[in-house]
Amino acid sequence: MKKFLFSSLISLFSLSQPVWGQTTSPATKICPAELEPAINAIANRPQFQRSRWGILIETLTKNITVYDRDSQYYFIPASTAKLLTTAAALQKLGANFRIRTSVYGDTQGNIYVVGRGDPTLTETQLKDLAQQLKKRGINQINQLIAVDGYFTGLPIHPTWQWEDVQAGYGAPINSLILNQNSLDLKLAPQAVGQPLKVTWVRPEQSAGWTIENQTRTVRENEPEFVRIGRDFSQPIIRISGQLRVGQAPESAYAAVIEPTDNFIQQFQKILLDSGIKVLKTSISSNFSYPQSELAFVESPPLAELIKTINLDSNNLFAESLLRTLGAQNSRGDSVELGLQEIKLILNQLGVDPKGYQLVDGSGMSRNNLVTPSALVQTLRIMATSPTAEFYQNSLPIGGVSGTLKRRFTDNSATGIVQAKTGTMRGATSLSGYISPPDYQPLVFSITINQSNLSTQELRQAVDEIVLLLTQLKSCP
């Protein structure tokens, strides 16, 4: 797939034609004066009479308000909160910042593996560390110590919902993360009426786990859904739902229970496979270690990490980044310090500090509150910042990439809307940029809260508003 590359955000929006083209006939064009009644006709439909809309649409370069509906009020942002986290991280740490995982040794033959919250670590990086130790002539480790004290505070936020923390997208966040702290499964349809076939992506993860499979394969015209849960007192994964016969396998993820223990066990196994004997393992929450670094690996640069956060709406990456911000200058609760750092950075950038109240970095908590105005402010400021290109490149493109790949396909918004999605029960949001072919570039934030409608119905209404924006034209 062709990458979306540009020298700056403003140059992107100076294009007179949408990228990737449009496969449908041009829609009816509307003047700005016609936009308000057109949006109101969507937002005021009977099914939304008990829902709350928060909308702000402005021109990007001239800061002219095109539409405003309760944009100064608080709304639950869901994952559009990630726009604030990633903006602050880029400003504070820079696009080239990398997270380092180090291995140290002492004179007693002990090895300390020190994590600093790299969310990208897999067995590949652990094998790299093992080979670096092997090259140093290390064939036996008296004690392998996992130092897991870089991030302090709770690995799971107390306001996250019960069902969220069981799934892979709600995995705990610690200093030594492996495979995103998730247990990865594949679910494959079989014959109609039969349960889905469940297989482990990494068979070594299956040891000690029991799977309660309450799924079934259904006919082609029946709905599909999958739910995955994890027992908190026993090693049991519960899977329910249904997939259509003949469909490709689907991925499912459950959260690891003890992430540091999982890390040290897998690293010990890799060391043994590499010919390094490990006599004993232990875990230390005290962030102290010898100063003789024997091996290290680093994460991709921050510019790539925020792509995973915003394109794929990855919660664990966002929470790791929040804690990284908190751990930069002082010791204390990494979440609280990270939130204070976000507030300080965004305030320095010019975002109204009263426009948001964050309690996490991912948007998973329903206690997060953000105004559409604060999101638009952040997007506008980032559009002219030195890191504008990296920030913009991290956003999904309608009909093309990330969480918008299956939205805005083959219509007037394809390829010309870049925005962060947000979804949780009763709440849907979309905030980003759009370049109408016959109008000025726009920055926007659209949120619906307190709704009893399905996610599909809410998204459809939001998308209708975005399609209206693509039809704007300059009028006398």
Protein backbone atom coordinates (compact mmCIF):
# COMPACT_ATOMS: atom_id res chain seq x y z
CA MET A 1 0.00 0.00 0.00
CA LYS A 2 1.27 3.46 -0.85
CA LYS A 3 2.42 5.42 2.19
CA PHE A 4 0.92 8.81 2.97
CA LEU A 5 3.96 11.09 2.90
CA PHE A 6 4.21 14.87 2.95
CA SER A 7 6.60 17.57 4.08
CA SER A 8 4.21 19.27 6.46
CA LEU A 9 0.58 19.29 7.46
CA ILE A 10 -0.13 22.55 5.70
CA SER A 11 1.33 21.24 2.45
CA LEU A 12 -0.94 18.22 2.70
CA PHE A 13 -3.99 20.42 2.98
CA SER A 14 -2.96 22.62 0.09
CA LEU A 15 -3.74 19.77 -2.30
CA SER A 16 -6.65 20.66 -4.53
CA GLN A 17 -7.66 17.04 -5.11
CA PRO A 18 -8.10 14.19 -2.61
CA VAL A 19 -5.33 11.60 -2.53
CA TRP A 20 -6.06 8.05 -3.67
CA GLY A 21 -8.95 9.37 -5.71
CA GLN A 22 -12.68 8.86 -5.35
CA THR A 23 -14.52 6.02 -6.99
CA THR A 24 -18.00 7.48 -6.62
CA SER A 25 -19.61 10.36 -8.46
CA PRO A 26 -19.21 13.79 -6.87
CA ALA A 27 -21.68 14.58 -4.12
CA THR A 28 -23.88 17.67 -4.13
CA LYS A 29 -21.84 20.66 -2.98
CA ILE A 30 -23.06 22.85 -0.12
CA CYS A 31 -22.21 26.34 1.08
CA PRO A 32 -21.01 26.94 4.66
CA ALA A 33 -24.36 28.58 5.47
CA GLU A 34 -26.09 25.30 4.64
CA LEU A 35 -23.88 23.20 6.89
CA GLU A 36 -25.48 24.02 10.25
CA PRO A 37 -29.03 22.95 9.31
CA ALA A 38 -27.63 19.87 7.57
CA ILE A 39 -25.69 18.75 10.67
CA ASN A 40 -28.61 19.63 12.96
CA ALA A 41 -30.87 17.42 10.85
CA ILE A 42 -28.59 14.47 11.73
CA ALA A 43 -27.95 15.30 15.38
CA ASN A 44 -31.63 16.06 16.10
CA ARG A 45 -33.00 12.79 14.80
CA PRO A 46 -35.47 11.16 17.21
CA GLN A 47 -33.08 8.33 18.09
CA PHE A 48 -30.59 10.89 19.45
CA GLN A 49 -33.01 12.87 21.61
CA ARG A 50 -31.51 11.46 24.83
CA SER A 51 -27.92 11.50 23.57
CA ARG A 52 -25.38 14.32 23.94
CA TRP A 53 -23.53 15.73 20.96
CA GLY A 54 -20.34 17.76 21.18
CA ILE A 55 -19.09 19.14 17.87
CA LEU A 56 -16.58 21.76 16.82
CA ILE A 57 -15.53 22.33 13.21
CA GLU A 58 -13.10 25.10 12.31
CA THR A 59 -10.95 26.10 9.37
CA LEU A 60 -7.40 25.00 9.98
CA THR A 61 -5.44 28.05 8.89
CA LYS A 62 -7.83 30.96 9.53
CA ASN A 63 -9.39 29.65 12.76
CA ILE A 64 -12.96 30.37 11.60
CA THR A 65 -15.70 28.41 13.36
CA VAL A 66 -17.83 26.58 10.80
CA TYR A 67 -20.04 24.71 13.29
CA ASP A 68 -20.22 24.58 17.10
CA ARG A 69 -22.46 22.47 19.30
CA ASP A 70 -21.64 22.39 23.03
CA SER A 71 -17.91 22.34 22.26
CA GLN A 72 -17.02 23.87 25.66
CA TYR A 73 -18.69 21.06 27.62
CA TYR A 74 -17.05 17.91 28.91
CA PHE A 75 -17.55 14.59 27.14
CA ILE A 76 -16.10 11.11 27.63
CA PRO A 77 -13.55 11.05 24.81
CA ALA A 78 -12.80 7.30 24.67
CA SER A 79 -9.65 6.78 22.60
CA THR A 80 -9.49 10.31 21.20
CA ALA A 81 -7.77 11.03 24.54
CA LYS A 82 -4.73 9.46 22.88
CA LEU A 83 -4.41 12.65 20.83
CA LEU A 84 -3.45 14.50 24.01
CA THR A 85 -1.04 11.81 25.21
CA THR A 86 0.82 11.52 21.92
CA ALA A 87 0.98 15.29 21.39
CA ALA A 88 2.57 15.76 24.81
CA ALA A 89 4.98 12.88 24.29
CA LEU A 90 6.19 14.21 20.94
CA GLN A 91 6.69 17.66 22.42
CA LYS A 92 8.53 16.41 25.51
CA LEU A 93 10.55 13.46 24.23
CA GLY A 94 11.01 14.16 20.51
CA ALA A 95 10.33 11.95 17.51
CA ASN A 96 13.63 10.06 17.83
CA PHE A 97 13.24 9.04 21.49
CA ARG A 98 13.69 5.31 22.12
CA ILE A 99 12.99 3.15 25.17
CA ARG A 100 16.01 1.12 26.30
CA THR A 101 15.97 -2.30 27.94
CA SER A 102 19.31 -3.12 29.55
CA VAL A 103 21.11 -6.13 31.00
CA TYR A 104 23.67 -5.56 33.76
CA GLY A 105 26.02 -7.89 35.62
CA ASP A 106 27.80 -7.98 38.94
CA THR A 107 30.91 -9.76 40.23
CA GLN A 108 28.84 -12.55 41.84
CA GLY A 109 27.59 -13.88 38.51
CA ASN A 110 24.16 -12.25 38.82
CA ILE A 111 22.44 -10.75 35.82
CA TYR A 112 19.91 -7.92 36.09
CA VAL A 113 17.47 -7.31 33.22
CA VAL A 114 16.18 -3.76 33.64
CA GLY A 115 12.98 -2.76 31.91
CA ARG A 116 11.86 0.78 31.18
CA GLY A 117 8.44 0.00 29.73
CA ASP A 118 9.24 -0.82 26.09
CA PRO A 119 5.88 -2.05 24.75
CA THR A 120 7.44 -3.56 21.61
CA LEU A 121 9.50 -6.33 23.21
CA THR A 122 9.01 -9.84 21.83
CA GLU A 123 11.04 -13.05 21.90
CA THR A 124 13.10 -11.61 19.05
CA GLN A 125 14.58 -8.89 21.28
CA LEU A 126 15.12 -11.37 24.15
CA LYS A 127 17.05 -13.64 21.79
CA ASP A 128 19.15 -10.62 20.80
CA LEU A 129 19.97 -9.96 24.46
CA ALA A 130 20.85 -13.62 24.99
CA GLN A 131 23.22 -13.59 22.02
CA GLN A 132 24.93 -10.43 23.28
CA LEU A 133 25.53 -12.15 26.62
CA LYS A 134 26.78 -15.27 24.86
CA LYS A 135 29.29 -13.21 22.90
CA ARG A 136 30.63 -11.87 26.17
CA GLY A 137 31.44 -15.42 27.20
CA ILE A 138 28.62 -15.79 29.71
CA ASN A 139 27.56 -19.44 29.92
CA GLN A 140 26.04 -19.50 33.41
CA ILE A 141 23.97 -17.08 35.44
CA ASN A 142 23.84 -17.61 39.18
CA GLN A 143 20.72 -15.48 39.55
CA LEU A 144 18.63 -13.83 36.84
CA ILE A 145 16.94 -10.80 38.37
CA ALA A 146 14.06 -8.98 36.67
CA VAL A 147 14.18 -5.33 37.79
CA ASP A 148 10.62 -4.11 37.37
CA GLY A 149 10.62 -0.83 39.28
CA TYR A 150 10.94 1.85 36.59
CA PHE A 151 7.17 2.33 36.50
CA THR A 152 5.60 2.76 39.91
CA GLY A 153 1.96 2.66 40.92
CA LEU A 154 -0.83 0.33 39.82
CA PRO A 155 -0.40 -1.62 36.55
CA ILE A 156 -4.18 -1.48 35.99
CA HIS A 157 -6.14 1.72 36.54
CA PRO A 158 -8.81 1.29 39.22
CA THR A 159 -11.46 2.94 37.04
CA TRP A 160 -11.05 0.57 34.09
CA GLN A 161 -14.02 -1.70 33.62
CA TRP A 162 -13.97 -5.32 34.70
CA GLU A 163 -14.42 -6.75 31.21
CA ASP A 164 -11.70 -4.50 29.77
CA VAL A 165 -8.91 -5.66 32.08
CA GLN A 166 -9.56 -9.29 31.16
CA ALA A 167 -8.95 -8.69 27.47
CA GLY A 168 -5.64 -8.09 25.74
CA TYR A 169 -6.49 -4.45 25.03
CA GLY A 170 -6.69 -3.88 28.80
CA ALA A 171 -3.48 -5.71 29.75
CA PRO A 172 -1.48 -4.53 32.77
CA ILE A 173 1.38 -2.09 32.22
CA ASN A 174 4.71 -2.75 33.92
CA SER A 175 8.38 -2.02 33.26
CA LEU A 176 9.09 -5.39 31.60
CA ILE A 177 6.47 -5.95 28.90
CA LEU A 178 6.59 -8.99 26.64
CA ASN A 179 4.30 -9.53 23.64
CA GLN A 180 2.17 -6.64 24.89
CA ASN A 181 1.38 -8.65 28.01
CA SER A 182 -1.25 -10.63 26.16
CA LEU A 183 -2.10 -14.26 25.48
CA ASP A 184 -2.71 -14.56 21.75
CA LEU A 185 -5.25 -16.95 20.25
CA LYS A 186 -6.69 -17.73 16.83
CA LEU A 187 -10.36 -18.62 16.40
CA ALA A 188 -11.31 -20.51 13.25
CA PRO A 189 -14.86 -21.39 12.10
CA GLN A 190 -15.60 -25.06 11.46
CA ALA A 191 -18.83 -26.69 10.27
CA VAL A 192 -22.11 -24.93 11.10
CA GLY A 193 -23.09 -25.69 14.67
CA GLN A 194 -19.60 -26.71 15.77
CA PRO A 195 -17.49 -24.66 18.19
CA LEU A 196 -14.74 -22.47 16.78
CA LYS A 197 -11.33 -24.09 16.69
CA VAL A 198 -9.09 -22.33 19.24
CA THR A 199 -5.32 -22.44 18.78
CA TRP A 200 -2.45 -20.66 20.53
CA VAL A 201 -0.41 -18.29 18.38
CA ARG A 202 2.56 -19.03 20.64
CA PRO A 203 2.12 -22.61 21.91
CA GLU A 204 4.52 -22.02 24.79
CA GLN A 205 1.93 -19.68 26.33
CA SER A 206 -0.59 -22.51 26.71
CA ALA A 207 1.16 -24.18 29.66
CA GLY A 208 -1.14 -24.30 32.68
CA TRP A 209 -4.09 -22.60 30.97
CA THR A 210 -7.58 -24.05 30.51
CA ILE A 211 -9.84 -22.73 27.76
CA GLU A 212 -13.60 -22.76 28.21
CA ASN A 213 -14.87 -22.65 24.65
CA GLN A 214 -18.50 -21.50 24.41
CA THR A 215 -18.36 -20.46 20.77
CA ARG A 216 -20.09 -21.77 17.66
CA THR A 217 -19.90 -21.57 13.91
CA VAL A 218 -22.96 -19.99 12.29
CA ARG A 219 -24.36 -19.62 8.77
CA GLU A 220 -23.20 -16.92 6.34
CA ASN A 221 -26.11 -14.57 7.05
CA GLU A 222 -25.88 -14.60 10.85
CA PRO A 223 -24.15 -11.91 12.94
CA GLU A 224 -20.58 -12.33 14.19
CA PHE A 225 -19.13 -11.43 17.57
CA VAL A 226 -16.48 -12.75 19.94
CA ARG A 227 -15.99 -12.12 23.65
CA ILE A 228 -12.94 -13.18 25.62
CA GLY A 229 -12.56 -13.14 29.40
CA ARG A 230 -10.06 -14.35 31.95
CA ASP A 231 -10.58 -15.69 35.43
CA PHE A 232 -8.71 -13.69 38.06
CA SER A 233 -8.27 -16.50 40.57
CA GLN A 234 -7.61 -19.43 38.21
CA PRO A 235 -5.74 -19.85 34.90
CA ILE A 236 -8.93 -20.06 32.83
CA ILE A 237 -9.72 -18.23 29.59
CA ARG A 238 -13.38 -18.04 28.62
CA ILE A 239 -14.32 -17.49 24.99
CA SER A 240 -17.87 -16.98 23.71
CA GLY A 241 -19.41 -15.75 20.48
CA GLN A 242 -19.83 -16.87 16.90
CA LEU A 243 -18.17 -16.57 13.49
CA ARG A 244 -19.57 -17.39 10.07
CA VAL A 245 -18.72 -20.61 8.34
CA GLY A 246 -15.98 -20.30 5.73
CA GLN A 247 -14.57 -17.06 7.14
CA ALA A 248 -10.87 -16.53 7.83
CA PRO A 249 -9.64 -17.09 11.41
CA GLU A 250 -9.96 -14.18 13.84
CA SER A 251 -7.47 -13.10 16.48
CA ALA A 252 -8.38 -12.93 20.16
CA TYR A 253 -6.33 -11.72 23.09
CA ALA A 254 -6.49 -12.20 26.86
CA ALA A 255 -4.44 -10.26 29.39
CA VAL A 256 -1.49 -11.91 31.13
CA ILE A 257 -2.02 -12.24 34.90
CA GLU A 258 1.55 -11.77 36.19
CA PRO A 259 3.46 -9.93 33.46
CA THR A 260 6.85 -9.75 35.20
CA ASP A 261 6.78 -13.43 36.06
CA ASN A 262 5.79 -14.17 32.47
CA PHE A 263 8.73 -12.09 31.23
CA ILE A 264 11.36 -13.71 33.43
CA GLN A 265 10.14 -17.23 32.63
CA GLN A 266 10.31 -16.62 28.89
CA PHE A 267 13.71 -14.94 29.13
CA GLN A 268 15.06 -17.83 31.19
CA LYS A 269 13.86 -20.27 28.54
CA ILE A 270 15.50 -18.26 25.76
CA LEU A 271 18.76 -18.07 27.70
CA LEU A 272 18.72 -21.84 28.20
CA ASP A 273 18.03 -22.38 24.49
CA SER A 274 21.02 -20.13 23.77
CA GLY A 275 23.31 -22.27 25.92
CA ILE A 276 23.29 -20.10 29.04
CA LYS A 277 22.43 -21.97 32.23
CA VAL A 278 20.28 -20.10 34.76
CA LEU A 279 20.50 -21.40 38.34
CA LYS A 280 17.87 -19.14 39.91
CA THR A 281 15.42 -16.37 39.00
CA SER A 282 13.90 -13.57 41.06
CA ILE A 283 11.96 -10.33 40.66
CA SER A 284 12.92 -6.99 42.19
CA SER A 285 10.71 -3.92 42.41
CA ASN A 286 13.63 -1.85 43.72
CA PHE A 287 14.99 0.08 40.75
CA SER A 288 18.66 -0.48 41.53
CA TYR A 289 21.28 -2.45 39.66
CA PRO A 290 25.03 -2.54 38.88
CA GLN A 291 26.40 -0.01 36.43
CA SER A 292 28.14 -2.50 34.12
CA GLU A 293 25.81 -2.76 31.08
CA LEU A 294 26.43 -6.02 29.24
CA ALA A 295 23.66 -5.89 26.65
CA PHE A 296 20.74 -3.74 25.54
CA VAL A 297 17.95 -3.41 22.99
CA GLU A 298 15.95 -0.33 22.08
CA SER A 299 12.43 0.30 20.90
CA PRO A 300 11.65 1.88 17.53
CA PRO A 301 11.65 5.69 17.68
CA LEU A 302 8.73 7.52 19.26
CA ALA A 303 7.49 8.54 15.81
CA GLU A 304 6.80 4.85 15.15
CA LEU A 305 5.37 4.16 18.61
CA ILE A 306 2.72 6.84 18.26
CA LYS A 307 1.70 5.35 14.92
CA THR A 308 0.77 2.17 16.77
CA ILE A 309 -1.05 4.24 19.39
CA ASN A 310 -3.15 6.34 17.03
CA LEU A 311 -3.43 4.18 13.92
CA ASP A 312 -4.34 1.00 15.80
CA SER A 313 -5.64 2.67 18.99
CA ASN A 314 -3.26 0.58 21.07
CA ASN A 315 -4.01 1.09 24.76
CA LEU A 316 -0.91 -0.58 26.18
CA PHE A 317 1.43 1.56 24.06
CA ALA A 318 -0.42 4.70 25.19
CA GLU A 319 -0.30 3.73 28.86
CA SER A 320 3.40 2.89 28.61
CA LEU A 321 4.04 6.30 27.06
CA LEU A 322 2.09 8.04 29.83
CA ARG A 323 4.23 6.31 32.47
CA THR A 324 7.39 7.07 30.51
CA LEU A 325 6.52 10.76 30.71
CA GLY A 326 6.00 10.40 34.45
CA ALA A 327 9.27 8.57 35.02
CA GLN A 328 11.50 11.09 33.26
CA ASN A 329 12.15 13.57 36.04
CA SER A 330 11.26 12.11 39.42
CA ARG A 331 10.24 8.99 41.29
CA GLY A 332 6.65 8.56 42.38
CA ASP A 333 3.41 7.24 40.96
CA SER A 334 4.19 7.09 37.25
CA VAL A 335 0.58 7.60 36.17
CA GLU A 336 0.00 10.69 38.31
CA LEU A 337 3.35 12.18 37.35
CA GLY A 338 2.67 11.42 33.69
CA LEU A 339 -0.72 13.14 33.84
CA GLN A 340 0.89 16.17 35.48
CA GLU A 341 3.49 16.23 32.71
CA ILE A 342 0.80 16.11 30.00
CA LYS A 343 -1.02 19.01 31.67
CA LEU A 344 2.19 21.04 31.91
CA ILE A 345 3.24 20.39 28.31
CA LEU A 346 -0.17 21.06 26.75
CA ASN A 347 -0.54 24.21 28.83
CA GLN A 348 2.81 25.43 27.48
CA LEU A 349 1.59 24.68 23.97
CA GLY A 350 -1.54 26.76 24.50
CA VAL A 351 -4.22 24.12 25.13
CA ASP A 352 -6.79 25.28 27.70
CA PRO A 353 -5.97 23.36 30.92
CA LYS A 354 -9.65 23.52 31.90
CA GLY A 355 -10.63 21.79 28.68
CA TYR A 356 -9.79 18.27 29.84
CA GLN A 357 -9.42 16.06 32.89
CA LEU A 358 -7.47 12.89 32.17
CA VAL A 359 -7.03 9.95 34.51
CA ASP A 360 -5.21 7.66 32.06
CA GLY A 361 -3.28 7.91 28.81
CA SER A 362 -5.38 5.64 26.60
CA GLY A 363 -8.95 6.83 27.11
CA MET A 364 -10.14 3.49 28.52
CA SER A 365 -11.48 5.10 31.69
CA ARG A 366 -14.96 6.58 31.72
CA ASN A 367 -13.60 9.14 34.19
CA ASN A 368 -11.74 10.94 31.40
CA LEU A 369 -13.39 14.20 30.38
CA VAL A 370 -12.42 16.32 27.36
CA THR A 371 -14.12 19.15 25.51
CA PRO A 372 -14.28 19.10 21.70
CA SER A 373 -12.66 22.53 21.91
CA ALA A 374 -9.57 21.14 23.68
CA LEU A 375 -9.18 18.40 21.06
CA VAL A 376 -9.44 20.94 18.23
CA GLN A 377 -6.93 23.20 20.00
CA THR A 378 -4.48 20.31 20.29
CA LEU A 379 -4.90 19.28 16.65
CA ARG A 380 -4.46 22.87 15.47
CA ILE A 381 -1.33 23.45 17.54
CA MET A 382 0.23 20.19 16.40
CA ALA A 383 -0.49 21.12 12.77
CA THR A 384 2.14 23.86 12.91
CA SER A 385 4.54 22.32 15.41
CA PRO A 386 8.01 21.02 14.47
CA THR A 387 6.65 17.48 14.88
CA ALA A 388 3.57 18.07 12.70
CA GLU A 389 4.56 15.47 10.13
CA PHE A 390 5.04 12.70 12.71
CA TYR A 391 1.80 13.55 14.49
CA GLN A 392 -0.19 13.64 11.25
CA ASN A 393 1.38 10.41 9.99
CA SER A 394 0.16 8.64 13.14
CA LEU A 395 -3.52 9.27 12.37
CA PRO A 396 -5.73 6.79 10.49
CA ILE A 397 -6.75 7.74 6.96
CA GLY A 398 -10.36 7.26 5.92
CA GLY A 399 -10.83 4.15 3.79
CA VAL A 400 -7.07 3.49 3.81
CA SER A 401 -5.42 2.74 7.14
CA GLY A 402 -5.73 1.96 10.82
CA THR A 403 -9.08 2.11 12.58
CA LEU A 404 -10.56 4.03 9.61
CA LYS A 405 -9.59 1.44 7.02
CA ARG A 406 -13.14 0.10 6.79
CA ARG A 407 -14.81 3.48 7.14
CA PHE A 408 -15.15 6.10 4.40
CA THR A 409 -14.49 3.53 1.70
CA ASP A 410 -15.40 4.46 -1.89
CA ASN A 411 -16.99 7.79 -1.03
CA SER A 412 -16.12 11.49 -1.00
CA ALA A 413 -14.11 11.17 2.25
CA THR A 414 -11.79 8.42 1.06
CA GLY A 415 -8.18 9.45 1.58
CA ILE A 416 -8.88 13.07 2.61
CA VAL A 417 -9.85 12.59 6.25
CA GLN A 418 -7.23 11.81 8.88
CA ALA A 419 -8.66 11.36 12.34
CA LYS A 420 -8.44 9.49 15.64
CA THR A 421 -11.36 7.26 16.52
CA GLY A 422 -12.84 6.65 19.96
CA THR A 423 -15.32 3.95 20.91
CA MET A 424 -16.83 2.56 24.08
CA ARG A 425 -20.33 1.52 25.03
CA GLY A 426 -22.65 4.50 24.56
CA ALA A 427 -19.88 6.79 23.31
CA THR A 428 -18.32 7.37 19.90
CA SER A 429 -15.93 10.09 18.82
CA LEU A 430 -13.83 11.17 15.86
CA SER A 431 -11.34 14.05 15.84
CA GLY A 432 -8.86 15.11 13.19
CA TYR A 433 -8.33 16.88 9.91
CA ILE A 434 -10.12 16.95 6.58
CA SER A 435 -9.33 18.68 3.30
CA PRO A 436 -12.51 19.22 1.23
CA PRO A 437 -11.53 19.52 -2.44
CA ASP A 438 -13.53 22.74 -2.88
CA TYR A 439 -13.05 24.35 0.53
CA GLN A 440 -10.43 25.28 3.10
CA PRO A 441 -8.72 22.60 5.21
CA LEU A 442 -10.70 21.84 8.38
CA VAL A 443 -9.95 20.62 11.89
CA PHE A 444 -12.83 18.96 13.74
CA SER A 445 -14.01 17.01 16.77
CA ILE A 446 -17.29 15.08 16.90
CA THR A 447 -18.45 13.18 19.97
CA ILE A 448 -21.65 11.42 21.01
CA ASN A 449 -22.17 10.45 24.64
CA GLN A 450 -24.92 8.92 26.77
CA SER A 451 -26.46 6.88 23.98
CA ASN A 452 -28.27 3.56 24.06
CA LEU A 453 -27.67 3.00 20.35
CA SER A 454 -25.23 0.51 18.88
CA THR A 455 -21.72 1.53 17.94
CA GLN A 456 -22.61 0.97 14.29
CA GLU A 457 -25.52 3.45 14.47
CA LEU A 458 -23.40 6.06 16.23
CA ARG A 459 -20.54 5.74 13.77
CA GLN A 460 -22.90 6.02 10.84
CA ALA A 461 -24.21 9.36 12.12
CA VAL A 462 -20.69 10.67 12.74
CA ASP A 463 -19.63 9.58 9.27
CA GLU A 464 -22.61 11.33 7.71
CA ILE A 465 -21.43 14.59 9.27
CA VAL A 466 -17.91 14.04 7.97
CA LEU A 467 -19.28 13.40 4.48
CA LEU A 468 -21.10 16.74 4.68
CA LEU A 469 -17.75 18.41 5.32
CA THR A 470 -16.31 16.92 2.14
CA GLN A 471 -19.13 18.62 0.19
CA LEU A 472 -18.33 22.14 1.36
CA LYS A 473 -17.54 24.76 -1.26
CA SER A 474 -16.63 28.42 -1.06
CA CYS A 475 -19.64 30.61 -1.76
CA PRO A 476 -19.98 34.36 -2.28
